[in-house]
C-alpha atoms as a PDB file:
ATOM      1  CA  MET A   1      27.954-232.913  55.805  1.00  0.00           C
ATOM      2  CA  ARG A   2      26.631-232.886  59.350  1.00  0.00           C
ATOM      3  CA  ALA A   3      27.233-229.626  61.207  1.00  0.00           C
ATOM      4  CA  THR A   4      29.192-229.690  64.423  1.00  0.00           C
ATOM      5  CA  PHE A   5      28.149-227.474  67.305  1.00  0.00           C
ATOM      6  CA  PRO A   6      28.755-223.917  66.034  1.00  0.00           C
ATOM      7  CA  SER A   7      31.345-223.099  68.694  1.00  0.00           C
ATOM      8  CA  GLU A   8      33.323-226.105  67.511  1.00  0.00           C
ATOM      9  CA  MET A   9      33.164-224.786  63.966  1.00  0.00           C
ATOM     10  CA  PHE A  10      34.456-221.316  64.668  1.00  0.00           C
ATOM     11  CA  LEU A  11      36.249-221.445  68.029  1.00  0.00           C
ATOM     12  CA  SER A  12      38.848-223.725  69.530  1.00  0.00           C
ATOM     13  CA  SER A  13      38.455-224.612  73.199  1.00  0.00           C
ATOM     14  CA  GLU A  14      41.354-222.291  73.994  1.00  0.00           C
ATOM     15  CA  ASP A  15      39.769-219.427  72.064  1.00  0.00           C
ATOM     16  CA  ALA A  16      36.431-220.085  73.731  1.00  0.00           C
ATOM     17  CA  ALA A  17      38.056-219.870  77.147  1.00  0.00           C
ATOM     18  CA  PHE A  18      39.823-216.683  76.124  1.00  0.00           C
ATOM     19  CA  ILE A  19      36.605-215.006  74.993  1.00  0.00           C
ATOM     20  CA  SER A  20      34.834-216.070  78.167  1.00  0.00           C
ATOM     21  CA  SER A  21      37.392-214.084  80.149  1.00  0.00           C
ATOM     22  CA  GLY A  22      36.805-210.975  78.042  1.00  0.00           C
ATOM     23  CA  PRO A  23      34.510-208.039  78.719  1.00  0.00           C
ATOM     24  CA  LEU A  24      31.721-209.308  76.478  1.00  0.00           C
ATOM     25  CA  SER A  25      31.200-212.520  78.415  1.00  0.00           C
ATOM     26  CA  ALA A  26      29.440-210.954  81.419  1.00  0.00           C
ATOM     27  CA  GLY A  27      29.689-214.257  83.207  1.00  0.00           C
ATOM     28  CA  VAL A  28      28.231-216.357  80.394  1.00  0.00           C
ATOM     29  CA  ALA A  29      30.240-219.428  79.400  1.00  0.00           C
ATOM     30  CA  VAL A  30      30.998-220.380  75.818  1.00  0.00           C
ATOM     31  CA  PHE A  31      29.762-223.839  74.885  1.00  0.00           C
ATOM     32  CA  SER A  32      32.064-226.511  73.559  1.00  0.00           C
ATOM     33  CA  ARG A  33      31.740-230.183  72.581  1.00  0.00           C
ATOM     34  CA  GLY A  34      28.552-231.803  73.819  1.00  0.00           C
ATOM     35  CA  GLY A  35      27.313-228.539  75.294  1.00  0.00           C
ATOM     36  CA  ALA A  36      29.823-228.587  78.151  1.00  0.00           C
ATOM     37  CA  ALA A  37      30.806-225.155  79.363  1.00  0.00           C
ATOM     38  CA  VAL A  38      34.402-224.083  79.033  1.00  0.00           C
ATOM     39  CA  GLY A  39      36.170-220.976  80.178  1.00  0.00           C
ATOM     40  CA  GLU A  40      34.675-220.129  83.540  1.00  0.00           C
ATOM     41  CA  PRO A  41      34.270-216.355  84.008  1.00  0.00           C
ATOM     42  CA  ARG A  42      37.029-214.831  86.064  1.00  0.00           C
ATOM     43  CA  SER A  43      38.082-211.431  87.331  1.00  0.00           C
ATOM     44  CA  GLU A  44      39.763-208.916  85.074  1.00  0.00           C
ATOM     45  CA  SER A  45      43.317-210.094  84.498  1.00  0.00           C
ATOM     46  CA  ALA A  46      46.363-208.711  82.754  1.00  0.00           C
ATOM     47  CA  CYS A  47      45.279-210.592  79.636  1.00  0.00           C
ATOM     48  CA  HIS A  48      41.821-209.066  79.901  1.00  0.00           C
ATOM     49  CA  CYS A  49      43.262-205.564  80.269  1.00  0.00           C
ATOM     50  CA  SER A  50      45.510-206.119  77.267  1.00  0.00           C
ATOM     51  CA  TRP A  51      42.502-207.318  75.284  1.00  0.00           C
ATOM     52  CA  VAL A  52      40.607-204.142  76.122  1.00  0.00           C
ATOM     53  CA  THR A  53      43.575-201.945  75.239  1.00  0.00           C
ATOM     54  CA  GLU A  54      44.132-203.733  71.949  1.00  0.00           C
ATOM     55  CA  ARG A  55      40.479-203.472  70.913  1.00  0.00           C
ATOM     56  CA  ARG A  56      40.472-199.748  71.639  1.00  0.00           C
ATOM     57  CA  ARG A  57      43.745-199.238  69.787  1.00  0.00           C
ATOM     58  CA  TRP A  58      42.545-201.336  66.853  1.00  0.00           C
ATOM     59  CA  HIS A  59      39.333-199.321  66.545  1.00  0.00           C
ATOM     60  CA  GLY A  60      41.210-196.036  66.645  1.00  0.00           C
ATOM     61  CA  THR A  61      43.775-197.275  64.131  1.00  0.00           C
ATOM     62  CA  TRP A  62      41.026-198.402  61.779  1.00  0.00           C
ATOM     63  CA  ARG A  63      39.329-195.034  61.920  1.00  0.00           C
ATOM     64  CA  SER A  64      42.442-192.921  61.394  1.00  0.00           C
ATOM     65  CA  ALA A  65      43.821-195.171  58.669  1.00  0.00           C
ATOM     66  CA  ARG A  66      40.575-195.181  56.739  1.00  0.00           C
ATOM     67  CA  LYS A  67      40.636-191.402  56.599  1.00  0.00           C
ATOM     68  CA  GLN A  68      44.127-191.534  55.102  1.00  0.00           C
ATOM     69  CA  SER A  69      43.317-194.093  52.435  1.00  0.00           C
ATOM     70  CA  GLU A  70      40.026-194.834  50.718  1.00  0.00           C
ATOM     71  CA  LYS A  71      41.313-198.310  49.935  1.00  0.00           C
ATOM     72  CA  CYS A  72      42.004-199.129  53.568  1.00  0.00           C
ATOM     73  CA  SER A  73      40.155-202.272  54.651  1.00  0.00           C
ATOM     74  CA  LEU A  74      39.447-204.007  57.905  1.00  0.00           C
ATOM     75  CA  TYR A  75      41.291-207.051  56.623  1.00  0.00           C
ATOM     76  CA  ALA A  76      44.473-205.059  56.066  1.00  0.00           C
ATOM     77  CA  LEU A  77      44.292-203.731  59.607  1.00  0.00           C
ATOM     78  CA  ASP A  78      43.666-207.210  60.959  1.00  0.00           C
ATOM     79  CA  THR A  79      46.930-208.199  59.294  1.00  0.00           C
ATOM     80  CA  ALA A  80      48.711-205.161  60.695  1.00  0.00           C
ATOM     81  CA  THR A  81      47.653-205.991  64.256  1.00  0.00           C
ATOM     82  CA  ALA A  82      48.033-209.750  63.928  1.00  0.00           C
ATOM     83  CA  GLY A  83      51.259-209.725  65.906  1.00  0.00           C
ATOM     84  CA  SER A  84      49.625-208.037  68.866  1.00  0.00           C
ATOM     85  CA  TRP A  85      46.678-210.422  68.770  1.00  0.00           C
ATOM     86  CA  ALA A  86      49.002-213.417  68.590  1.00  0.00           C
ATOM     87  CA  GLU A  87      50.627-212.284  71.824  1.00  0.00           C
ATOM     88  CA  LEU A  88      47.264-211.898  73.552  1.00  0.00           C
ATOM     89  CA  ARG A  89      45.538-215.069  72.432  1.00  0.00           C
ATOM     90  CA  PRO A  90      46.472-218.538  73.688  1.00  0.00           C
ATOM     91  CA  SER A  91      47.869-220.976  71.159  1.00  0.00           C
ATOM     92  CA  ALA A  92      44.803-222.405  69.417  1.00  0.00           C
ATOM     93  CA  SER A  93      44.164-225.801  67.937  1.00  0.00           C
ATOM     94  CA  LYS A  94      43.516-225.827  64.193  1.00  0.00           C
ATOM     95  CA  THR A  95      40.995-228.660  64.420  1.00  0.00           C
ATOM     96  CA  TYR A  96      37.823-226.605  64.699  1.00  0.00           C
ATOM     97  CA  ALA A  97      38.996-224.041  62.158  1.00  0.00           C
ATOM     98  CA  GLY A  98      39.474-226.913  59.732  1.00  0.00           C
ATOM     99  CA  GLU A  99      35.954-228.150  60.416  1.00  0.00           C
ATOM    100  CA  ALA A 100      34.619-224.660  59.737  1.00  0.00           C
ATOM    101  CA  ARG A 101      36.398-224.490  56.400  1.00  0.00           C
ATOM    102  CA  LYS A 102      35.045-227.910  55.422  1.00  0.00           C
ATOM    103  CA  PHE A 103      31.499-226.943  56.330  1.00  0.00           C
ATOM    104  CA  LEU A 104      31.708-223.624  54.476  1.00  0.00           C
ATOM    105  CA  ALA A 105      33.155-225.351  51.418  1.00  0.00           C
ATOM    106  CA  ALA A 106      30.402-227.978  51.480  1.00  0.00           C
ATOM    107  CA  LYS A 107      27.646-225.369  51.628  1.00  0.00           C
ATOM    108  CA  ARG A 108      29.165-222.641  49.459  1.00  0.00           C
ATOM    109  CA  ALA A 109      27.857-223.819  46.084  1.00  0.00           C
ATOM    110  CA  SER A 110      24.264-224.256  47.265  1.00  0.00           C
ATOM    111  CA  ILE A 111      24.311-220.890  49.050  1.00  0.00           C
ATOM    112  CA  ASP A 112      25.665-219.081  45.992  1.00  0.00           C
ATOM    113  CA  ALA A 113      23.117-220.775  43.734  1.00  0.00           C
ATOM    114  CA  ALA A 114      20.264-219.785  46.037  1.00  0.00           C
ATOM    115  CA  LEU A 115      21.509-216.190  46.162  1.00  0.00           C
ATOM    116  CA  SER A 116      21.703-216.000  42.379  1.00  0.00           C
ATOM    117  CA  GLU A 117      18.168-217.351  41.992  1.00  0.00           C
ATOM    118  CA  ALA A 118      16.786-214.948  44.591  1.00  0.00           C
ATOM    119  CA  VAL A 119      17.436-211.734  42.653  1.00  0.00           C
ATOM    120  CA  VAL A 120      16.430-211.775  38.993  1.00  0.00           C
ATOM    121  CA  ALA A 121      15.071-208.890  36.925  1.00  0.00           C
ATOM    122  CA  SER A 122      11.451-209.381  35.911  1.00  0.00           C
ATOM    123  CA  SER A 123      11.597-206.899  33.030  1.00  0.00           C
ATOM    124  CA  ALA A 124      13.791-204.291  31.383  1.00  0.00           C
ATOM    125  CA  MET A 125      12.271-201.698  33.699  1.00  0.00           C
ATOM    126  CA  ASN A 126      13.953-203.083  36.824  1.00  0.00           C
ATOM    127  CA  ALA A 127      16.994-204.635  35.135  1.00  0.00           C
ATOM    128  CA  ARG A 128      19.466-201.955  36.240  1.00  0.00           C
ATOM    129  CA  LEU A 129      18.316-202.145  39.851  1.00  0.00           C
ATOM    130  CA  ALA A 130      18.544-205.942  39.777  1.00  0.00           C
ATOM    131  CA  ASP A 131      22.039-205.702  38.285  1.00  0.00           C
ATOM    132  CA  ALA A 132      23.117-203.391  41.105  1.00  0.00           C
ATOM    133  CA  MET A 133      21.690-205.771  43.707  1.00  0.00           C
ATOM    134  CA  ARG A 134      23.404-208.779  42.135  1.00  0.00           C
ATOM    135  CA  TYR A 135      26.683-206.896  41.725  1.00  0.00           C
ATOM    136  CA  SER A 136      27.157-206.744  45.492  1.00  0.00           C
ATOM    137  CA  LEU A 137      25.190-209.823  46.538  1.00  0.00           C
ATOM    138  CA  LEU A 138      27.253-212.125  44.310  1.00  0.00           C
ATOM    139  CA  ALA A 139      30.588-210.366  44.818  1.00  0.00           C
ATOM    140  CA  GLY A 140      32.030-213.131  46.968  1.00  0.00           C
ATOM    141  CA  GLY A 141      32.697-213.045  50.677  1.00  0.00           C
ATOM    142  CA  LYS A 142      32.955-215.858  53.171  1.00  0.00           C
ATOM    143  CA  ARG A 143      29.183-216.544  53.425  1.00  0.00           C
ATOM    144  CA  VAL A 144      29.604-216.999  57.178  1.00  0.00           C
ATOM    145  CA  ARG A 145      26.118-215.691  57.958  1.00  0.00           C
ATOM    146  CA  PRO A 146      24.102-218.006  55.699  1.00  0.00           C
ATOM    147  CA  ALA A 147      26.356-220.886  56.737  1.00  0.00           C
ATOM    148  CA  LEU A 148      25.549-220.178  60.380  1.00  0.00           C
ATOM    149  CA  VAL A 149      21.821-220.338  59.616  1.00  0.00           C
ATOM    150  CA  LEU A 150      22.252-223.728  57.955  1.00  0.00           C
ATOM    151  CA  ALA A 151      24.578-225.021  60.675  1.00  0.00           C
ATOM    152  CA  ALA A 152      22.217-224.050  63.490  1.00  0.00           C
ATOM    153  CA  CYS A 153      19.258-225.641  61.717  1.00  0.00           C
ATOM    154  CA  ASP A 154      21.264-228.800  61.078  1.00  0.00           C
ATOM    155  CA  MET A 155      22.466-228.945  64.670  1.00  0.00           C
ATOM    156  CA  PHE A 156      18.885-229.196  65.935  1.00  0.00           C
ATOM    157  CA  GLY A 157      17.823-231.825  63.432  1.00  0.00           C
ATOM    158  CA  GLY A 158      16.636-229.631  60.572  1.00  0.00           C
ATOM    159  CA  VAL A 159      17.523-229.725  56.885  1.00  0.00           C
ATOM    160  CA  ASP A 160      18.810-227.103  54.463  1.00  0.00           C
ATOM    161  CA  GLU A 161      15.438-226.846  52.725  1.00  0.00           C
ATOM    162  CA  GLN A 162      13.944-225.436  55.917  1.00  0.00           C
ATOM    163  CA  ALA A 163      16.632-222.818  56.422  1.00  0.00           C
ATOM    164  CA  MET A 164      17.956-221.817  52.992  1.00  0.00           C
ATOM    165  CA  PRO A 165      15.423-218.983  52.413  1.00  0.00           C
ATOM    166  CA  THR A 166      16.439-217.456  55.738  1.00  0.00           C
ATOM    167  CA  ALA A 167      20.118-218.019  54.947  1.00  0.00           C
ATOM    168  CA  VAL A 168      19.643-216.079  51.708  1.00  0.00           C
ATOM    169  CA  ALA A 169      17.788-213.324  53.558  1.00  0.00           C
ATOM    170  CA  ALA A 170      20.614-212.982  56.082  1.00  0.00           C
ATOM    171  CA  GLU A 171      23.135-212.468  53.285  1.00  0.00           C
ATOM    172  CA  MET A 172      20.808-209.956  51.619  1.00  0.00           C
ATOM    173  CA  VAL A 173      20.661-207.912  54.812  1.00  0.00           C
ATOM    174  CA  HIS A 174      24.422-208.160  55.269  1.00  0.00           C
ATOM    175  CA  THR A 175      24.983-207.015  51.682  1.00  0.00           C
ATOM    176  CA  MET A 176      22.572-204.116  52.170  1.00  0.00           C
ATOM    177  CA  SER A 177      24.598-202.991  55.176  1.00  0.00           C
ATOM    178  CA  LEU A 178      27.818-203.113  53.155  1.00  0.00           C
ATOM    179  CA  ILE A 179      26.369-201.104  50.254  1.00  0.00           C
ATOM    180  CA  HIS A 180      25.062-198.405  52.581  1.00  0.00           C
ATOM    181  CA  ASP A 181      28.208-198.502  54.733  1.00  0.00           C
ATOM    182  CA  ASP A 182      30.340-197.682  51.669  1.00  0.00           C
ATOM    183  CA  LEU A 183      28.344-194.593  50.661  1.00  0.00           C
ATOM    184  CA  PRO A 184      29.993-191.143  50.801  1.00  0.00           C
ATOM    185  CA  ALA A 185      27.613-190.105  53.583  1.00  0.00           C
ATOM    186  CA  MET A 186      28.826-193.065  55.663  1.00  0.00           C
ATOM    187  CA  ASP A 187      32.351-194.469  55.299  1.00  0.00           C
ATOM    188  CA  ASN A 188      33.001-193.227  51.757  1.00  0.00           C
ATOM    189  CA  ASP A 189      34.829-196.341  50.538  1.00  0.00           C
ATOM    190  CA  ASP A 190      35.747-196.807  46.886  1.00  0.00           C
ATOM    191  CA  PHE A 191      36.625-200.497  46.944  1.00  0.00           C
ATOM    192  CA  ARG A 192      35.233-203.655  48.485  1.00  0.00           C
ATOM    193  CA  ARG A 193      36.426-207.209  47.942  1.00  0.00           C
ATOM    194  CA  GLY A 194      38.939-206.037  45.391  1.00  0.00           C
ATOM    195  CA  ARG A 195      36.618-204.115  43.096  1.00  0.00           C
ATOM    196  CA  PRO A 196      34.767-200.765  42.999  1.00  0.00           C
ATOM    197  CA  THR A 197      31.979-200.325  45.511  1.00  0.00           C
ATOM    198  CA  ASN A 198      28.378-200.327  44.357  1.00  0.00           C
ATOM    199  CA  HIS A 199      27.937-196.558  44.245  1.00  0.00           C
ATOM    200  CA  LYS A 200      31.121-196.178  42.183  1.00  0.00           C
ATOM    201  CA  VAL A 201      29.623-198.415  39.503  1.00  0.00           C
ATOM    202  CA  TYR A 202      25.914-197.563  39.609  1.00  0.00           C
ATOM    203  CA  GLY A 203      25.877-194.152  41.283  1.00  0.00           C
ATOM    204  CA  GLU A 204      24.831-193.201  44.787  1.00  0.00           C
ATOM    205  CA  ASP A 205      21.137-193.062  43.934  1.00  0.00           C
ATOM    206  CA  VAL A 206      20.942-196.587  42.535  1.00  0.00           C
ATOM    207  CA  ALA A 207      23.211-197.938  45.283  1.00  0.00           C
ATOM    208  CA  ILE A 208      20.848-196.620  47.957  1.00  0.00           C
ATOM    209  CA  LEU A 209      17.893-198.178  46.164  1.00  0.00           C
ATOM    210  CA  ALA A 210      19.762-201.466  45.708  1.00  0.00           C
ATOM    211  CA  GLY A 211      20.361-201.652  49.448  1.00  0.00           C
ATOM    212  CA  ASP A 212      16.748-200.755  50.193  1.00  0.00           C
ATOM    213  CA  ALA A 213      15.509-203.383  47.745  1.00  0.00           C
ATOM    214  CA  LEU A 214      17.737-206.091  49.236  1.00  0.00           C
ATOM    215  CA  LEU A 215      16.380-205.331  52.698  1.00  0.00           C
ATOM    216  CA  SER A 216      12.776-205.543  51.483  1.00  0.00           C
ATOM    217  CA  GLU A 217      13.417-208.685  49.466  1.00  0.00           C
ATOM    218  CA  ALA A 218      14.943-210.371  52.520  1.00  0.00           C
ATOM    219  CA  PHE A 219      11.635-210.307  54.393  1.00  0.00           C
ATOM    220  CA  ALA A 220       9.639-211.295  51.318  1.00  0.00           C
ATOM    221  CA  HIS A 221      12.011-214.157  50.560  1.00  0.00           C
ATOM    222  CA  ILE A 222      11.560-215.724  53.990  1.00  0.00           C
ATOM    223  CA  ALA A 223       7.789-215.345  53.842  1.00  0.00           C
ATOM    224  CA  GLU A 224       7.410-216.681  50.303  1.00  0.00           C
ATOM    225  CA  LYS A 225      10.094-219.358  50.067  1.00  0.00           C
ATOM    226  CA  THR A 226      10.095-221.060  53.469  1.00  0.00           C
ATOM    227  CA  PRO A 227       8.267-224.369  52.849  1.00  0.00           C
ATOM    228  CA  THR A 228       5.123-224.539  54.979  1.00  0.00           C
ATOM    229  CA  SER A 229       5.046-228.315  54.572  1.00  0.00           C
ATOM    230  CA  ILE A 230       8.048-228.713  56.887  1.00  0.00           C
ATOM    231  CA  VAL A 231       8.145-225.389  58.769  1.00  0.00           C
ATOM    232  CA  PRO A 232       5.113-224.308  60.816  1.00  0.00           C
ATOM    233  CA  PRO A 233       4.145-220.713  59.874  1.00  0.00           C
ATOM    234  CA  ILE A 234       4.498-219.610  63.501  1.00  0.00           C
ATOM    235  CA  ARG A 235       8.226-220.352  63.312  1.00  0.00           C
ATOM    236  CA  THR A 236       8.574-218.394  60.089  1.00  0.00           C
ATOM    237  CA  LEU A 237       6.759-215.444  61.636  1.00  0.00           C
ATOM    238  CA  GLU A 238       9.119-215.482  64.617  1.00  0.00           C
ATOM    239  CA  VAL A 239      12.131-215.508  62.288  1.00  0.00           C
ATOM    240  CA  ILE A 240      10.764-212.491  60.408  1.00  0.00           C
ATOM    241  CA  ARG A 241      10.169-210.658  63.691  1.00  0.00           C
ATOM    242  CA  ARG A 242      13.723-211.300  64.828  1.00  0.00           C
ATOM    243  CA  LEU A 243      15.146-210.145  61.508  1.00  0.00           C
ATOM    244  CA  GLY A 244      13.338-206.831  61.851  1.00  0.00           C
ATOM    245  CA  ASN A 245      14.698-206.371  65.357  1.00  0.00           C
ATOM    246  CA  CYS A 246      18.293-207.069  64.359  1.00  0.00           C
ATOM    247  CA  VAL A 247      18.308-204.404  61.637  1.00  0.00           C
ATOM    248  CA  GLY A 248      16.791-201.398  63.385  1.00  0.00           C
ATOM    249  CA  LEU A 249      17.070-199.440  66.603  1.00  0.00           C
ATOM    250  CA  HIS A 250      18.718-202.290  68.501  1.00  0.00           C
ATOM    251  CA  GLY A 251      20.814-203.704  65.679  1.00  0.00           C
ATOM    252  CA  LEU A 252      22.695-202.794  62.515  1.00  0.00           C
ATOM    253  CA  ALA A 253      21.387-199.241  62.143  1.00  0.00           C
ATOM    254  CA  ALA A 254      22.119-198.385  65.766  1.00  0.00           C
ATOM    255  CA  GLY A 255      25.617-199.857  65.511  1.00  0.00           C
ATOM    256  CA  GLN A 256      26.383-197.822  62.406  1.00  0.00           C
ATOM    257  CA  ALA A 257      25.091-194.653  64.076  1.00  0.00           C
ATOM    258  CA  LEU A 258      27.380-195.214  67.071  1.00  0.00           C
ATOM    259  CA  ASP A 259      30.256-196.026  64.742  1.00  0.00           C
ATOM    260  CA  LEU A 260      29.799-192.733  62.896  1.00  0.00           C
ATOM    261  CA  GLU A 261      29.623-190.820  66.172  1.00  0.00           C
ATOM    262  CA  ALA A 262      32.926-192.360  67.273  1.00  0.00           C
ATOM    263  CA  GLU A 263      34.691-191.469  64.039  1.00  0.00           C
ATOM    264  CA  GLY A 264      37.382-188.848  64.452  1.00  0.00           C
ATOM    265  CA  LYS A 265      37.455-189.049  68.242  1.00  0.00           C
ATOM    266  CA  PRO A 266      40.750-189.733  70.031  1.00  0.00           C
ATOM    267  CA  VAL A 267      41.050-193.384  70.971  1.00  0.00           C
ATOM    268  CA  ASP A 268      41.064-192.586  74.692  1.00  0.00           C
ATOM    269  CA  GLU A 269      37.648-190.930  74.364  1.00  0.00           C
ATOM    270  CA  ILE A 270      35.998-194.088  73.023  1.00  0.00           C
ATOM    271  CA  SER A 271      34.768-195.945  76.092  1.00  0.00           C
ATOM    272  CA  LEU A 272      34.891-199.698  76.338  1.00  0.00           C
ATOM    273  CA  ARG A 273      31.115-199.783  76.701  1.00  0.00           C
ATOM    274  CA  THR A 274      30.712-197.813  73.458  1.00  0.00           C
ATOM    275  CA  LEU A 275      33.113-200.106  71.629  1.00  0.00           C
ATOM    276  CA  GLU A 276      31.350-203.212  72.924  1.00  0.00           C
ATOM    277  CA  THR A 277      27.968-201.811  71.914  1.00  0.00           C
ATOM    278  CA  ILE A 278      29.175-200.977  68.402  1.00  0.00           C
ATOM    279  CA  HIS A 279      30.337-204.558  67.902  1.00  0.00           C
ATOM    280  CA  LEU A 280      27.254-206.092  69.508  1.00  0.00           C
ATOM    281  CA  TYR A 281      24.917-204.033  67.321  1.00  0.00           C
ATOM    282  CA  LYS A 282      26.861-203.789  64.088  1.00  0.00           C
ATOM    283  CA  THR A 283      28.169-207.361  63.904  1.00  0.00           C
ATOM    284  CA  ALA A 284      26.773-209.618  66.615  1.00  0.00           C
ATOM    285  CA  ALA A 285      23.127-208.629  66.040  1.00  0.00           C
ATOM    286  CA  LEU A 286      22.967-210.244  62.599  1.00  0.00           C
ATOM    287  CA  LEU A 287      25.049-213.226  63.705  1.00  0.00           C
ATOM    288  CA  ARG A 288      22.680-213.666  66.633  1.00  0.00           C
ATOM    289  CA  PHE A 289      19.771-213.646  64.214  1.00  0.00           C
ATOM    290  CA  CYS A 290      21.469-216.248  62.019  1.00  0.00           C
ATOM    291  CA  VAL A 291      22.030-218.841  64.729  1.00  0.00           C
ATOM    292  CA  THR A 292      18.704-218.318  66.487  1.00  0.00           C
ATOM    293  CA  ALA A 293      16.749-218.310  63.219  1.00  0.00           C
ATOM    294  CA  GLY A 294      18.302-221.587  62.116  1.00  0.00           C
ATOM    295  CA  ALA A 295      17.529-223.104  65.495  1.00  0.00           C
ATOM    296  CA  ILE A 296      13.940-221.809  65.494  1.00  0.00           C
ATOM    297  CA  LEU A 297      13.257-223.207  62.033  1.00  0.00           C
ATOM    298  CA  ALA A 298      14.401-226.631  63.243  1.00  0.00           C
ATOM    299  CA  GLY A 299      12.207-226.437  66.350  1.00  0.00           C
ATOM    300  CA  ALA A 300      14.856-225.855  69.029  1.00  0.00           C
ATOM    301  CA  ALA A 301      13.778-225.373  72.635  1.00  0.00           C
ATOM    302  CA  THR A 302      13.988-222.014  74.403  1.00  0.00           C
ATOM    303  CA  ASP A 303      17.012-223.037  76.477  1.00  0.00           C
ATOM    304  CA  ASP A 304      18.863-223.991  73.317  1.00  0.00           C
ATOM    305  CA  LEU A 305      17.997-220.639  71.730  1.00  0.00           C
ATOM    306  CA  ASN A 306      19.511-218.880  74.729  1.00  0.00           C
ATOM    307  CA  ARG A 307      22.695-220.919  74.353  1.00  0.00           C
ATOM    308  CA  VAL A 308      23.212-220.208  70.667  1.00  0.00           C
ATOM    309  CA  GLU A 309      22.378-216.554  71.265  1.00  0.00           C
ATOM    310  CA  SER A 310      25.167-216.360  73.841  1.00  0.00           C
ATOM    311  CA  PHE A 311      27.473-218.038  71.337  1.00  0.00           C
ATOM    312  CA  ALA A 312      26.709-215.361  68.728  1.00  0.00           C
ATOM    313  CA  ASN A 313      27.470-212.587  71.194  1.00  0.00           C
ATOM    314  CA  LYS A 314      30.887-214.154  71.786  1.00  0.00           C
ATOM    315  CA  ILE A 315      31.920-214.514  68.164  1.00  0.00           C
ATOM    316  CA  GLY A 316      30.420-211.183  67.036  1.00  0.00           C
ATOM    317  CA  PRO A 317      33.482-209.041  67.800  1.00  0.00           C
ATOM    318  CA  ARG A 318      35.753-211.651  66.187  1.00  0.00           C
ATOM    319  CA  ILE A 319      34.125-211.668  62.748  1.00  0.00           C
ATOM    320  CA  PRO A 320      34.702-208.557  60.586  1.00  0.00           C
ATOM    321  CA  SER A 321      31.425-206.807  59.796  1.00  0.00           C
ATOM    322  CA  ARG A 322      32.852-205.938  56.382  1.00  0.00           C
ATOM    323  CA  GLY A 323      33.443-209.539  55.292  1.00  0.00           C
END
């Protein structure tokens, strides 16, 4: 199945215009069919102000609710605030959402198979660690991140064989972040995706190591499995560099640190800039890697990389980091 332009997969034109008017746009348009810009940036409106208020209130609600219930999930809170969001967002066409579901369904089996093949115990000595890694890596989820890698590669004329190792690596990094995020020292969650979290099954020590191992394996997987016959090594090296950047001081780790600092604070004390930065680091950073990596592997031009990077920054706050 040929991938449509990513913004068509995940955003309707109305939603794209809505995001472009929000605080994250900073004057950058979202791209729609054929690369045409939609949603010209405009001054802060009543809708914009409501968006800001709702995001602040949602973040505060999430934090306070999670303290009250260890089973509280971001998805439950999304449902709880759905009415407010429905009032803020324009009526959206279902066309592009349907295309996204079709694309995800078409790629799901191959992604899951590649993930399963990527983590296999080599002996009885590392079997428990491998089991812990597989427990979370194969626990389900939407597979949005690996699908974005494949979609971006496809969009610029590439094939799945070029991008699948990087797609697997992206899901490994995402899974690592979820395992570590659930630990008692972080968010202290007991359940994820309807079953006990990794540390509840394997213990905190093994869970930490499982996350560490997934992060290490992600880099090795790209380096070892990306076919040099159809991907120049310089592209693979650039993908590895970008993956390192999206995890560390300017990515996932930084976003989690800011998130922890904001925990327990009154909602009014969490600035919009802090909230934006949390979402850009904790969620958008990996999404940005996914779309740019797929494009790089297919040989996209610099201008195109800038466009898909802007796209990732737009959808970052709209995709739950816990999914």
